[in-house]
Each structure stands twice: as C-alpha cells, then as structure tokens.
C-alpha atoms as a PDB file:
ATOM      1  CA  MET A   1      -2.240  -6.626 -26.510  1.00  0.00           C
ATOM      2  CA  TYR A   2      -0.897  -5.887 -30.472  1.00  0.00           C
ATOM      3  CA  SER A   3      -0.544  -7.781 -33.198  1.00  0.00           C
ATOM      4  CA  GLN A   4       2.172  -8.764 -35.514  1.00  0.00           C
ATOM      5  CA  GLY A   5      -0.167  -8.531 -37.991  1.00  0.00           C
ATOM      6  CA  LEU A   6       0.209  -4.690 -37.852  1.00  0.00           C
ATOM      7  CA  ILE A   7       3.663  -4.467 -38.982  1.00  0.00           C
ATOM      8  CA  GLY A   8       4.096  -2.455 -41.705  1.00  0.00           C
ATOM      9  CA  ALA A   9       0.217  -1.893 -41.886  1.00  0.00           C
ATOM     10  CA  ASN A  10       0.679   1.978 -41.311  1.00  0.00           C
ATOM     11  CA  ALA A  11       0.682   3.728 -44.723  1.00  0.00           C
ATOM     12  CA  THR A  12       3.413   5.262 -46.242  1.00  0.00           C
ATOM     13  CA  THR A  13       2.554   8.373 -47.977  1.00  0.00           C
ATOM     14  CA  ASP A  14       4.091  11.642 -49.857  1.00  0.00           C
ATOM     15  CA  GLU A  15       4.502  13.983 -47.049  1.00  0.00           C
ATOM     16  CA  ASP A  16       3.317  17.216 -48.534  1.00  0.00           C
ATOM     17  CA  GLU A  17       2.784  20.041 -46.166  1.00  0.00           C
ATOM     18  CA  GLU A  18      -1.211  19.949 -46.844  1.00  0.00           C
ATOM     19  CA  PHE A  19      -0.532  16.035 -44.632  1.00  0.00           C
ATOM     20  CA  LEU A  20       1.615  16.969 -42.253  1.00  0.00           C
ATOM     21  CA  ALA A  21      -0.492  19.670 -41.130  1.00  0.00           C
ATOM     22  CA  ARG A  22      -3.562  17.859 -41.187  1.00  0.00           C
ATOM     23  CA  PHE A  23      -1.259  15.095 -39.509  1.00  0.00           C
ATOM     24  CA  GLN A  24      -0.280  18.171 -36.268  1.00  0.00           C
ATOM     25  CA  ALA A  25      -3.765  19.470 -36.306  1.00  0.00           C
ATOM     26  CA  ARG A  26      -4.653  15.610 -35.411  1.00  0.00           C
ATOM     27  CA  ILE A  27      -2.233  15.689 -33.013  1.00  0.00           C
ATOM     28  CA  ASP A  28      -3.819  19.252 -31.471  1.00  0.00           C
ATOM     29  CA  ALA A  29      -6.814  18.156 -31.772  1.00  0.00           C
ATOM     30  CA  GLU A  30      -5.097  15.124 -29.101  1.00  0.00           C
ATOM     31  CA  GLU A  31      -6.543  12.415 -31.036  1.00  0.00           C
ATOM     32  CA  LYS A  32      -4.070   9.275 -30.766  1.00  0.00           C
ATOM     33  CA  ILE A  33      -3.009   8.027 -33.863  1.00  0.00           C
ATOM     34  CA  GLU A  34      -3.095   3.827 -34.067  1.00  0.00           C
ATOM     35  CA  PRO A  35      -0.897   2.217 -35.775  1.00  0.00           C
ATOM     36  CA  ASN A  36      -3.088   1.609 -39.518  1.00  0.00           C
ATOM     37  CA  ASP A  37      -2.716   5.679 -40.356  1.00  0.00           C
ATOM     38  CA  ALA A  38      -0.638   7.514 -42.057  1.00  0.00           C
ATOM     39  CA  MET A  39       2.033   9.232 -40.254  1.00  0.00           C
ATOM     40  CA  PRO A  40       5.513  11.128 -41.405  1.00  0.00           C
ATOM     41  CA  GLU A  41       8.545   9.093 -41.574  1.00  0.00           C
ATOM     42  CA  GLY A  42      10.358  11.182 -39.126  1.00  0.00           C
ATOM     43  CA  TYR A  43       6.934  10.188 -36.749  1.00  0.00           C
ATOM     44  CA  ARG A  44       7.679   6.975 -36.756  1.00  0.00           C
ATOM     45  CA  ARG A  45      10.745   6.324 -36.503  1.00  0.00           C
ATOM     46  CA  THR A  46      10.773   8.747 -33.489  1.00  0.00           C
ATOM     47  CA  LEU A  47       8.617   6.556 -31.677  1.00  0.00           C
ATOM     48  CA  VAL A  48      10.823   3.064 -33.761  1.00  0.00           C
ATOM     49  CA  ARG A  49      13.898   4.477 -31.361  1.00  0.00           C
ATOM     50  CA  GLN A  50      12.013   5.943 -27.671  1.00  0.00           C
ATOM     51  CA  ILE A  51      10.229   2.357 -27.385  1.00  0.00           C
ATOM     52  CA  GLY A  52      12.669   0.564 -28.183  1.00  0.00           C
ATOM     53  CA  GLN A  53      14.920   2.231 -25.677  1.00  0.00           C
ATOM     54  CA  HIS A  54      12.680   1.656 -23.000  1.00  0.00           C
ATOM     55  CA  ALA A  55      12.103  -2.184 -23.931  1.00  0.00           C
ATOM     56  CA  HIS A  56      15.541  -3.090 -24.019  1.00  0.00           C
ATOM     57  CA  SER A  57      15.763  -0.180 -20.633  1.00  0.00           C
ATOM     58  CA  GLU A  58      12.811  -2.866 -19.307  1.00  0.00           C
ATOM     59  CA  ILE A  59      15.491  -5.930 -20.093  1.00  0.00           C
ATOM     60  CA  VAL A  60      18.884  -4.909 -18.685  1.00  0.00           C
ATOM     61  CA  GLY A  61      17.199  -3.744 -16.061  1.00  0.00           C
ATOM     62  CA  MET A  62      16.125  -6.753 -14.684  1.00  0.00           C
ATOM     63  CA  LEU A  63      19.915  -8.017 -14.375  1.00  0.00           C
ATOM     64  CA  PRO A  64      21.747  -5.516 -11.312  1.00  0.00           C
ATOM     65  CA  GLU A  65      18.181  -6.797  -9.441  1.00  0.00           C
ATOM     66  CA  GLY A  66      18.651 -10.429 -10.228  1.00  0.00           C
ATOM     67  CA  ASN A  67      22.104 -10.165  -9.205  1.00  0.00           C
ATOM     68  CA  TRP A  68      20.559  -9.480  -5.544  1.00  0.00           C
ATOM     69  CA  ILE A  69      17.768 -12.703  -5.909  1.00  0.00           C
ATOM     70  CA  THR A  70      19.639 -15.413  -4.011  1.00  0.00           C
ATOM     71  CA  ARG A  71      20.866 -13.132  -1.795  1.00  0.00           C
ATOM     72  CA  ALA A  72      18.012 -11.493  -0.348  1.00  0.00           C
ATOM     73  CA  PRO A  73      18.101 -10.658   3.942  1.00  0.00           C
ATOM     74  CA  SER A  74      14.397 -12.303   4.429  1.00  0.00           C
ATOM     75  CA  LEU A  75      12.041 -14.845   2.516  1.00  0.00           C
ATOM     76  CA  ARG A  76       9.526 -12.036   2.004  1.00  0.00           C
ATOM     77  CA  ARG A  77      12.182  -9.325   0.112  1.00  0.00           C
ATOM     78  CA  LYS A  78      13.167 -12.396  -2.215  1.00  0.00           C
ATOM     79  CA  ALA A  79       9.519 -13.003  -2.989  1.00  0.00           C
ATOM     80  CA  ALA A  80       9.100  -9.639  -3.775  1.00  0.00           C
ATOM     81  CA  LEU A  81      11.811  -8.706  -5.807  1.00  0.00           C
ATOM     82  CA  LEU A  82      11.250 -12.327  -8.034  1.00  0.00           C
ATOM     83  CA  ALA A  83       7.478 -10.585  -8.610  1.00  0.00           C
ATOM     84  CA  LYS A  84       9.252  -6.817  -9.336  1.00  0.00           C
ATOM     85  CA  ILE A  85      11.471  -8.221 -11.814  1.00  0.00           C
ATOM     86  CA  GLN A  86       8.611 -10.084 -13.194  1.00  0.00           C
ATOM     87  CA  ASP A  87       6.211  -6.954 -13.788  1.00  0.00           C
ATOM     88  CA  GLU A  88      10.125  -5.730 -15.751  1.00  0.00           C
ATOM     89  CA  GLY A  89      10.522  -8.712 -18.413  1.00  0.00           C
ATOM     90  CA  GLY A  90       6.445  -7.882 -18.686  1.00  0.00           C
ATOM     91  CA  HIS A  91       6.931  -4.576 -19.434  1.00  0.00           C
ATOM     92  CA  GLY A  92       9.629  -5.005 -22.059  1.00  0.00           C
ATOM     93  CA  LEU A  93       7.770  -7.637 -23.519  1.00  0.00           C
ATOM     94  CA  TYR A  94       4.251  -4.416 -24.329  1.00  0.00           C
ATOM     95  CA  LEU A  95       6.938  -2.233 -25.016  1.00  0.00           C
ATOM     96  CA  TYR A  96       7.823  -4.939 -28.392  1.00  0.00           C
ATOM     97  CA  ALA A  97       4.734  -5.556 -28.794  1.00  0.00           C
ATOM     98  CA  ALA A  98       3.986  -1.427 -28.742  1.00  0.00           C
ATOM     99  CA  ALA A  99       7.186  -0.877 -31.079  1.00  0.00           C
ATOM    100  CA  GLU A 100       6.293  -3.836 -33.247  1.00  0.00           C
ATOM    101  CA  THR A 101       3.420  -2.457 -34.818  1.00  0.00           C
ATOM    102  CA  LEU A 102       5.329   0.897 -35.547  1.00  0.00           C
ATOM    103  CA  GLY A 103       6.617  -1.907 -38.294  1.00  0.00           C
ATOM    104  CA  VAL A 104       9.898  -3.253 -36.843  1.00  0.00           C
ATOM    105  CA  SER A 105      10.885  -6.466 -35.565  1.00  0.00           C
ATOM    106  CA  ARG A 106      12.040  -7.549 -32.424  1.00  0.00           C
ATOM    107  CA  ASP A 107      14.753  -9.453 -34.232  1.00  0.00           C
ATOM    108  CA  GLU A 108      15.481  -5.859 -35.097  1.00  0.00           C
ATOM    109  CA  MET A 109      15.713  -4.563 -32.445  1.00  0.00           C
ATOM    110  CA  THR A 110      17.016  -6.903 -30.370  1.00  0.00           C
ATOM    111  CA  GLU A 111      19.881  -7.027 -33.190  1.00  0.00           C
ATOM    112  CA  GLU A 112      20.642  -2.942 -33.285  1.00  0.00           C
ATOM    113  CA  LEU A 113      20.827  -3.464 -28.962  1.00  0.00           C
ATOM    114  CA  LEU A 114      23.331  -5.854 -29.089  1.00  0.00           C
ATOM    115  CA  SER A 115      25.295  -4.272 -31.742  1.00  0.00           C
ATOM    116  CA  GLY A 116      25.457  -1.246 -29.783  1.00  0.00           C
ATOM    117  CA  LYS A 117      23.374   0.885 -32.339  1.00  0.00           C
ATOM    118  CA  ALA A 118      20.286   1.186 -29.355  1.00  0.00           C
ATOM    119  CA  LYS A 119      20.962   2.655 -26.926  1.00  0.00           C
ATOM    120  CA  TYR A 120      19.171   1.729 -22.933  1.00  0.00           C
ATOM    121  CA  SER A 121      19.516   3.524 -19.835  1.00  0.00           C
ATOM    122  CA  SER A 122      22.445   4.654 -19.176  1.00  0.00           C
ATOM    123  CA  ILE A 123      21.743   3.769 -15.108  1.00  0.00           C
ATOM    124  CA  PHE A 124      22.279   0.038 -15.285  1.00  0.00           C
ATOM    125  CA  ASN A 125      25.426   0.275 -16.676  1.00  0.00           C
ATOM    126  CA  TYR A 126      26.056   0.985 -12.649  1.00  0.00           C
ATOM    127  CA  PRO A 127      26.942  -2.269 -10.195  1.00  0.00           C
ATOM    128  CA  THR A 128      24.172  -2.847  -7.398  1.00  0.00           C
ATOM    129  CA  LEU A 129      26.686  -3.867  -4.518  1.00  0.00           C
ATOM    130  CA  THR A 130      25.180  -4.070  -1.503  1.00  0.00           C
ATOM    131  CA  TRP A 131      21.449  -4.723  -1.067  1.00  0.00           C
ATOM    132  CA  ALA A 132      20.727  -1.405  -0.168  1.00  0.00           C
ATOM    133  CA  ASP A 133      21.196  -0.718  -3.701  1.00  0.00           C
ATOM    134  CA  ILE A 134      18.338  -2.456  -4.521  1.00  0.00           C
ATOM    135  CA  GLY A 135      16.665  -0.326  -2.279  1.00  0.00           C
ATOM    136  CA  ALA A 136      18.285   2.611  -3.667  1.00  0.00           C
ATOM    137  CA  ILE A 137      17.185   1.156  -7.459  1.00  0.00           C
ATOM    138  CA  GLY A 138      13.160   1.029  -6.397  1.00  0.00           C
ATOM    139  CA  TRP A 139      13.294   4.736  -4.541  1.00  0.00           C
ATOM    140  CA  LEU A 140      14.831   6.543  -7.749  1.00  0.00           C
ATOM    141  CA  VAL A 141      15.776   4.551 -10.402  1.00  0.00           C
ATOM    142  CA  ASP A 142      11.550   3.498 -10.297  1.00  0.00           C
ATOM    143  CA  GLY A 143      10.581   7.091  -8.692  1.00  0.00           C
ATOM    144  CA  ALA A 144      12.539   8.337 -11.747  1.00  0.00           C
ATOM    145  CA  ALA A 145      11.012   6.498 -13.869  1.00  0.00           C
ATOM    146  CA  ILE A 146       7.355   6.941 -12.856  1.00  0.00           C
ATOM    147  CA  MET A 147       8.063  10.951 -13.198  1.00  0.00           C
ATOM    148  CA  ASN A 148       9.414   9.963 -16.582  1.00  0.00           C
ATOM    149  CA  GLN A 149       6.393   7.024 -18.194  1.00  0.00           C
ATOM    150  CA  ILE A 150       3.036   8.912 -16.219  1.00  0.00           C
ATOM    151  CA  PRO A 151       3.143  11.651 -19.298  1.00  0.00           C
ATOM    152  CA  LEU A 152       3.564   9.286 -21.334  1.00  0.00           C
ATOM    153  CA  CYS A 153      -0.234   7.307 -20.813  1.00  0.00           C
ATOM    154  CA  ARG A 154      -1.014  10.515 -22.261  1.00  0.00           C
ATOM    155  CA  CYS A 155       1.278  10.385 -25.706  1.00  0.00           C
ATOM    156  CA  SER A 156      -0.448  10.578 -29.118  1.00  0.00           C
ATOM    157  CA  PHE A 157       0.843   7.174 -30.485  1.00  0.00           C
ATOM    158  CA  GLY A 158      -1.741   4.850 -28.382  1.00  0.00           C
ATOM    159  CA  PRO A 159      -0.674   2.108 -28.008  1.00  0.00           C
ATOM    160  CA  TYR A 160       2.031   3.970 -26.242  1.00  0.00           C
ATOM    161  CA  ALA A 161       0.369   5.413 -24.005  1.00  0.00           C
ATOM    162  CA  ARG A 162      -2.021   2.237 -23.588  1.00  0.00           C
ATOM    163  CA  ALA A 163       0.623  -0.073 -22.814  1.00  0.00           C
ATOM    164  CA  MET A 164       2.441   2.631 -20.163  1.00  0.00           C
ATOM    165  CA  ILE A 165      -1.514   2.707 -18.217  1.00  0.00           C
ATOM    166  CA  ARG A 166      -0.212  -0.178 -16.515  1.00  0.00           C
ATOM    167  CA  VAL A 167       3.235  -0.055 -16.057  1.00  0.00           C
ATOM    168  CA  CYS A 168       3.155   3.080 -14.453  1.00  0.00           C
ATOM    169  CA  LYS A 169       0.750   1.147 -11.620  1.00  0.00           C
ATOM    170  CA  GLU A 170       3.311  -1.461 -10.978  1.00  0.00           C
ATOM    171  CA  GLU A 171       5.929   0.967 -11.097  1.00  0.00           C
ATOM    172  CA  SER A 172       4.605   2.967  -8.712  1.00  0.00           C
ATOM    173  CA  PHE A 173       5.085  -1.405  -6.639  1.00  0.00           C
ATOM    174  CA  HIS A 174       8.413  -0.834  -7.084  1.00  0.00           C
ATOM    175  CA  GLN A 175       8.680   2.534  -6.155  1.00  0.00           C
ATOM    176  CA  ARG A 176       7.624   1.511  -2.655  1.00  0.00           C
ATOM    177  CA  GLN A 177       9.094  -1.199  -1.822  1.00  0.00           C
ATOM    178  CA  GLY A 178      12.901   0.164  -3.025  1.00  0.00           C
ATOM    179  CA  TYR A 179      11.701   3.387  -0.331  1.00  0.00           C
ATOM    180  CA  GLU A 180      10.424   0.818   2.375  1.00  0.00           C
ATOM    181  CA  ILE A 181      14.102  -1.296   2.170  1.00  0.00           C
ATOM    182  CA  MET A 182      15.922   2.533   2.429  1.00  0.00           C
ATOM    183  CA  MET A 183      13.442   3.639   5.389  1.00  0.00           C
ATOM    184  CA  THR A 184      14.174   0.028   7.319  1.00  0.00           C
ATOM    185  CA  LEU A 185      17.968   0.084   6.963  1.00  0.00           C
ATOM    186  CA  ALA A 186      17.476   4.165   7.915  1.00  0.00           C
ATOM    187  CA  LYS A 187      16.060   3.120  10.686  1.00  0.00           C
ATOM    188  CA  GLY A 188      18.509   0.082  12.134  1.00  0.00           C
ATOM    189  CA  THR A 189      21.504  -0.197  13.515  1.00  0.00           C
ATOM    190  CA  PRO A 190      24.168   2.412  12.757  1.00  0.00           C
ATOM    191  CA  GLU A 191      25.579   0.237  10.185  1.00  0.00           C
ATOM    192  CA  GLN A 192      22.428  -0.623   8.451  1.00  0.00           C
ATOM    193  CA  LYS A 193      21.992   3.288   8.031  1.00  0.00           C
ATOM    194  CA  GLU A 194      25.792   3.623   6.459  1.00  0.00           C
ATOM    195  CA  LEU A 195      24.577   1.294   4.032  1.00  0.00           C
ATOM    196  CA  ALA A 196      21.389   3.264   2.829  1.00  0.00           C
ATOM    197  CA  GLN A 197      23.446   6.887   3.074  1.00  0.00           C
ATOM    198  CA  ASP A 198      26.336   4.740   0.978  1.00  0.00           C
ATOM    199  CA  ALA A 199      23.241   4.127  -1.495  1.00  0.00           C
ATOM    200  CA  LEU A 200      22.311   7.152  -1.786  1.00  0.00           C
ATOM    201  CA  ASN A 201      25.683   8.298  -2.239  1.00  0.00           C
ATOM    202  CA  ARG A 202      26.180   6.401  -5.566  1.00  0.00           C
ATOM    203  CA  TRP A 203      22.798   5.986  -6.662  1.00  0.00           C
ATOM    204  CA  TRP A 204      21.915  10.160  -6.379  1.00  0.00           C
ATOM    205  CA  TRP A 205      23.312  11.366 -10.033  1.00  0.00           C
ATOM    206  CA  PRO A 206      22.923   8.180 -11.854  1.00  0.00           C
ATOM    207  CA  SER A 207      19.433   8.182 -11.009  1.00  0.00           C
ATOM    208  CA  LEU A 208      19.116  12.291 -12.740  1.00  0.00           C
ATOM    209  CA  MET A 209      21.092  11.244 -15.441  1.00  0.00           C
ATOM    210  CA  MET A 210      18.097   9.545 -16.198  1.00  0.00           C
ATOM    211  CA  PHE A 211      16.147  11.953 -17.720  1.00  0.00           C
ATOM    212  CA  GLY A 212      18.433  12.253 -20.216  1.00  0.00           C
ATOM    213  CA  PRO A 213      20.342  15.575 -21.931  1.00  0.00           C
ATOM    214  CA  SER A 214      19.476  18.903 -20.577  1.00  0.00           C
ATOM    215  CA  ASP A 215      17.837  20.513 -23.207  1.00  0.00           C
ATOM    216  CA  SER A 216      20.162  22.852 -24.477  1.00  0.00           C
ATOM    217  CA  ALA A 217      21.762  19.695 -25.693  1.00  0.00           C
ATOM    218  CA  SER A 218      18.784  17.168 -26.479  1.00  0.00           C
ATOM    219  CA  GLU A 219      17.780  17.071 -30.432  1.00  0.00           C
ATOM    220  CA  HIS A 220      15.080  15.941 -30.359  1.00  0.00           C
ATOM    221  CA  SER A 221      13.242  17.249 -27.641  1.00  0.00           C
ATOM    222  CA  ASP A 222      11.032  19.988 -29.698  1.00  0.00           C
ATOM    223  CA  GLN A 223       9.817  18.198 -32.434  1.00  0.00           C
ATOM    224  CA  ASN A 224       8.601  15.130 -29.567  1.00  0.00           C
ATOM    225  CA  MET A 225       6.822  18.027 -27.954  1.00  0.00           C
ATOM    226  CA  LYS A 226       5.733  19.303 -31.214  1.00  0.00           C
ATOM    227  CA  TRP A 227       3.983  15.503 -32.168  1.00  0.00           C
ATOM    228  CA  LYS A 228       2.819  15.264 -27.721  1.00  0.00           C
ATOM    229  CA  ILE A 229       5.217  11.719 -27.853  1.00  0.00           C
ATOM    230  CA  LYS A 230       6.380  13.848 -24.629  1.00  0.00           C
ATOM    231  CA  ARG A 231       4.862  15.920 -22.755  1.00  0.00           C
ATOM    232  CA  PHE A 232       8.016  17.796 -20.336  1.00  0.00           C
ATOM    233  CA  THR A 233      12.021  18.371 -21.542  1.00  0.00           C
ATOM    234  CA  ASN A 234      14.748  16.396 -19.745  1.00  0.00           C
ATOM    235  CA  ASP A 235      14.827  20.124 -17.517  1.00  0.00           C
ATOM    236  CA  GLN A 236      11.174  19.678 -16.092  1.00  0.00           C
ATOM    237  CA  LEU A 237      11.168  16.341 -15.673  1.00  0.00           C
ATOM    238  CA  ARG A 238      14.079  16.316 -13.058  1.00  0.00           C
ATOM    239  CA  GLN A 239      13.659  19.377 -11.610  1.00  0.00           C
ATOM    240  CA  ASN A 240      10.142  17.238 -10.537  1.00  0.00           C
ATOM    241  CA  PHE A 241      11.738  14.908  -9.545  1.00  0.00           C
ATOM    242  CA  VAL A 242      14.611  15.976  -7.381  1.00  0.00           C
ATOM    243  CA  ASN A 243      11.641  18.777  -5.794  1.00  0.00           C
ATOM    244  CA  ALA A 244       9.420  15.183  -4.794  1.00  0.00           C
ATOM    245  CA  THR A 245      12.659  13.613  -3.710  1.00  0.00           C
ATOM    246  CA  VAL A 246      14.852  15.677  -1.913  1.00  0.00           C
ATOM    247  CA  PRO A 247      11.527  15.477   1.277  1.00  0.00           C
ATOM    248  CA  GLN A 248      11.527  11.597   1.270  1.00  0.00           C
ATOM    249  CA  GLY A 249      15.057  11.314   1.967  1.00  0.00           C
ATOM    250  CA  GLU A 250      15.041  14.067   4.769  1.00  0.00           C
ATOM    251  CA  HIS A 251      12.183  12.154   6.069  1.00  0.00           C
ATOM    252  CA  ILE A 252      13.793   8.939   6.564  1.00  0.00           C
ATOM    253  CA  GLY A 253      17.510  10.697   7.919  1.00  0.00           C
ATOM    254  CA  LEU A 254      19.287  10.117   4.569  1.00  0.00           C
ATOM    255  CA  LYS A 255      21.482  13.214   3.294  1.00  0.00           C
ATOM    256  CA  MET A 256      21.189  13.920  -0.329  1.00  0.00           C
ATOM    257  CA  PRO A 257      24.599  14.009  -1.907  1.00  0.00           C
ATOM    258  CA  ASP A 258      24.951  17.492  -3.291  1.00  0.00           C
ATOM    259  CA  PRO A 259      26.666  20.096  -1.102  1.00  0.00           C
ATOM    260  CA  ASP A 260      24.717  22.693  -3.515  1.00  0.00           C
ATOM    261  CA  LEU A 261      21.734  21.511  -2.907  1.00  0.00           C
ATOM    262  CA  LYS A 262      18.700  24.299  -1.438  1.00  0.00           C
ATOM    263  CA  TRP A 263      15.057  25.237  -1.192  1.00  0.00           C
ATOM    264  CA  ASN A 264      14.153  28.528  -3.206  1.00  0.00           C
ATOM    265  CA  GLU A 265      11.579  30.271  -1.830  1.00  0.00           C
ATOM    266  CA  LYS A 266      10.774  32.019  -4.885  1.00  0.00           C
ATOM    267  CA  THR A 267      10.380  29.588  -7.216  1.00  0.00           C
ATOM    268  CA  GLY A 268       9.314  26.683  -5.080  1.00  0.00           C
ATOM    269  CA  ASP A 269      11.370  24.551  -6.844  1.00  0.00           C
ATOM    270  CA  TYR A 270      15.116  23.398  -5.629  1.00  0.00           C
ATOM    271  CA  GLU A 271      17.844  24.394  -6.365  1.00  0.00           C
ATOM    272  CA  PHE A 272      20.818  21.416  -7.230  1.00  0.00           C
ATOM    273  CA  GLY A 273      24.055  20.800  -8.320  1.00  0.00           C
ATOM    274  CA  GLU A 274      25.347  20.381 -11.765  1.00  0.00           C
ATOM    275  CA  ILE A 275      25.857  17.412 -14.101  1.00  0.00           C
ATOM    276  CA  ASN A 276      28.710  15.204 -14.400  1.00  0.00           C
ATOM    277  CA  TRP A 277      27.597  14.989 -18.452  1.00  0.00           C
ATOM    278  CA  ASP A 278      31.194  13.920 -19.115  1.00  0.00           C
ATOM    279  CA  GLU A 279      29.717  10.580 -17.249  1.00  0.00           C
ATOM    280  CA  PHE A 280      26.902  10.628 -18.689  1.00  0.00           C
ATOM    281  CA  TRP A 281      28.370  10.631 -22.097  1.00  0.00           C
ATOM    282  CA  ARG A 282      31.208   7.798 -21.046  1.00  0.00           C
ATOM    283  CA  VAL A 283      28.822   5.767 -20.225  1.00  0.00           C
ATOM    284  CA  VAL A 284      25.931   6.596 -22.859  1.00  0.00           C
ATOM    285  CA  LYS A 285      28.216   5.193 -25.614  1.00  0.00           C
ATOM    286  CA  GLY A 286      29.746   2.682 -23.620  1.00  0.00           C
ATOM    287  CA  GLY A 287      32.433   3.924 -21.175  1.00  0.00           C
ATOM    288  CA  GLY A 288      30.069   2.633 -17.991  1.00  0.00           C
ATOM    289  CA  PRO A 289      31.093   0.086 -15.055  1.00  0.00           C
ATOM    290  CA  MET A 290      28.707  -2.805 -16.307  1.00  0.00           C
ATOM    291  CA  ASN A 291      28.483  -1.832 -20.044  1.00  0.00           C
ATOM    292  CA  ARG A 292      30.156  -5.012 -21.719  1.00  0.00           C
ATOM    293  CA  GLU A 293      28.857  -7.065 -18.693  1.00  0.00           C
ATOM    294  CA  ARG A 294      24.993  -5.966 -19.722  1.00  0.00           C
ATOM    295  CA  ILE A 295      25.472  -6.791 -23.378  1.00  0.00           C
ATOM    296  CA  ALA A 296      27.157  -9.699 -22.945  1.00  0.00           C
ATOM    297  CA  ALA A 297      24.709 -10.851 -20.689  1.00  0.00           C
ATOM    298  CA  ARG A 298      21.957 -10.116 -23.461  1.00  0.00           C
ATOM    299  CA  ARG A 299      23.937 -11.619 -26.072  1.00  0.00           C
ATOM    300  CA  LYS A 300      23.796 -14.829 -24.010  1.00  0.00           C
ATOM    301  CA  ALA A 301      19.980 -14.535 -23.084  1.00  0.00           C
ATOM    302  CA  TRP A 302      19.399 -14.224 -26.831  1.00  0.00           C
ATOM    303  CA  GLU A 303      21.108 -17.139 -27.871  1.00  0.00           C
ATOM    304  CA  ASP A 304      21.116 -19.550 -25.478  1.00  0.00           C
ATOM    305  CA  GLY A 305      16.740 -18.950 -25.890  1.00  0.00           C
ATOM    306  CA  ALA A 306      16.872 -19.217 -29.518  1.00  0.00           C
ATOM    307  CA  TRP A 307      16.019 -23.352 -29.657  1.00  0.00           C
ATOM    308  CA  VAL A 308      13.320 -21.282 -28.150  1.00  0.00           C
ATOM    309  CA  ARG A 309      11.879 -19.504 -30.193  1.00  0.00           C
ATOM    310  CA  GLU A 310      11.905 -21.374 -32.887  1.00  0.00           C
ATOM    311  CA  ALA A 311       9.828 -23.909 -30.907  1.00  0.00           C
ATOM    312  CA  ALA A 312       7.082 -22.032 -30.613  1.00  0.00           C
ATOM    313  CA  MET A 313       6.987 -20.475 -34.271  1.00  0.00           C
ATOM    314  CA  ALA A 314       7.076 -23.714 -35.466  1.00  0.00           C
ATOM    315  CA  HIS A 315       4.544 -24.798 -32.799  1.00  0.00           C
ATOM    316  CA  ALA A 316       2.648 -21.369 -34.057  1.00  0.00           C
ATOM    317  CA  GLN A 317       2.930 -22.717 -37.909  1.00  0.00           C
ATOM    318  CA  LYS A 318       1.801 -25.966 -37.370  1.00  0.00           C
ATOM    319  CA  ARG A 319      -1.234 -25.072 -35.247  1.00  0.00           C
ATOM    320  CA  GLN A 320      -2.222 -22.507 -38.028  1.00  0.00           C
ATOM    321  CA  ALA A 321      -1.956 -25.293 -40.906  1.00  0.00           C
ATOM    322  CA  ARG A 322      -4.381 -27.195 -39.243  1.00  0.00           C
ATOM    323  CA  ARG A 323      -6.889 -24.457 -38.915  1.00  0.00           C
ATOM    324  CA  ASP A 324      -6.103 -24.137 -42.258  1.00  0.00           C
ATOM    325  CA  ALA A 325      -6.237 -28.061 -42.967  1.00  0.00           C
ATOM    326  CA  ALA A 326      -9.859 -27.870 -41.178  1.00  0.00           C
ATOM    327  CA  SER A 327     -11.100 -24.727 -42.753  1.00  0.00           C
ATOM    328  CA  VAL A 328     -10.519 -26.135 -46.597  1.00  0.00           C
ATOM    329  CA  ALA A 329     -12.673 -29.179 -44.942  1.00  0.00           C
ATOM    330  CA  ALA A 330     -15.792 -27.461 -43.679  1.00  0.00           C
ATOM    331  CA  GLU A 331     -15.516 -25.998 -47.766  1.00  0.00           C
END
C-alpha cells in the first residue's frame, strides 16, 4: 500500500504566514495531503505521534486476546479469535507503513515504544481474566475504536485515511463477534450471565477512557481539528459511544456499572458519571495492572524477531543486486 522509498520525501520549507495560509486553504478545501507534499513540521509530527500510537495499540492489543487462544471454549471460537488477532497484526502493519511515509522508520517507532516515549491505548494494560473479557473487548473496546476511527477515514492525510477504510471494515466484524459472545453468555446459565456482567463492570470505564482526556485537558485537540486530522473532539466521540452502547447492553439484559447513568430527553443523550481521571493518567504513565508485562512481551518479540528482519533485508539486497546486474548486462 505504501512505500518505504517515500521516507523523508515530504519537502521542508520555510513556514512563513503565506505558506501556512496556503496549506490551511488546502485543508479547508478538503484536499488530501500526500507524503510528497510540503507540510508544516507540526502537522507532520502530530501525524507521526498519532499514527505511531495507533499502530502500537493494534500490535499490543493482540496480547490480551492471545492469552485466550488455547482456552477458547470451542473450535469455532478459537478460529474466530485467531482471525481477529491476525487482523489486528495487519492493522498495525498498515499503520506503520503509513507513518513511514512521513519520514520515520519502523525501527525508530518501536524503539520509542520500548523506551516508554511513545504510548499505546491505555485499555490494553488491563488483564483478561475470563472468556467473557474477550466478548467485552470485542463489544466495548472495538466498539470504541470504531467510533474513533470512522472519522479518520476522512483524515486530511491521504495514507492514513485510506488505511482506515479497511481497518474500520474489519473492526466492525470484531465488534459484532464480541457482542455475540456477550449475548450468548447473557442468555446462558446464571453463572454465564454473571461472567458477562462482571466483564462489563470491569471494562466499561476503561473503554470510556479510550477516547482520551476530556476536551478541557486535551493539549492538541483544537489544532488537530483545524488541520482535520480529527473531526470530533474526545468528549463528542465518548458521548456518541455511550449513546450507541447503552441500548445494546440493555437489549441483552446487562446493566451498565454507572449509578449516575440516565437518559436526558432534552439533549437526546445519556448522562453518565465522572470518569476516574487519576486512574487514566496513572495507567497512561505506566502504572496500570499490565504495563510492564505488555512492554516486556513486545521487547521479547522485537529481540527474538531480529534474525527474521535481518534475513529479509539480506534477501531484498540480494534480489536488488541481481536486478542491477541484469540491467547492466542488458545495456
């Protein structure tokens, strides 16, 4: 989809007022910005940070679900979970490739992740304790991801927007898979319904945290909206998610773990309780239940896979040398 040959291709330029005005005019006209186009350095850095974090989240997000591949309750469930995890690995690769067109290598992004400089979604620092957690992740976590990602299909940066089209199509299947698991458990034995309710109780608030800090505490929201990297604020997306998800839970007989939740006839929205922002920031800064384990797993995978990367690079260099030799011979 993308080429590493574009790394560093975007032109640098003096960012005077005339240049910035021309760039903003392109954004306002809904033109797509491509890797070879001149762009403000702040725009490029913002995209590298956001796309990199998104890619890391897809890859790290494979870990809590991978924990249940061998323990899925049936062959059908095992096959579906394997397919989902495979999709997530593919999403990470699309996104790393999109970020590479902005002049950053995959090695650099991975080093920043392992050093703690780059972040990934805080939701993946929570453990998957029961099979119902796999259903909750699909229903809630992937549901929140879809709410976040569908507007990204209209992102002003072309490679990111195009990558998100396929990602969103596959995420929709993941969300349905998770909801079907929760529905099956909710309609099962009392013990199975209790498992589903317990998973909802533990994953509901972390899912709301996925949308990021409140608008008043978000440092980059206004500029991202102006550049049309984002189309909605964190709080708008969070509200949309609550409005869509609460009726789904009620439909299968589960209760949202929020005593302050209520429908507001005037606004047409659900009002919900205050998020524990202390917990959010603690997890983001590395203090979550599984932060150390997740990074340790990624570091081991990166180190163990070094020989594969080296072999692939050597093979590519050998093929290129053969093509060069054939080209010289043809002349």
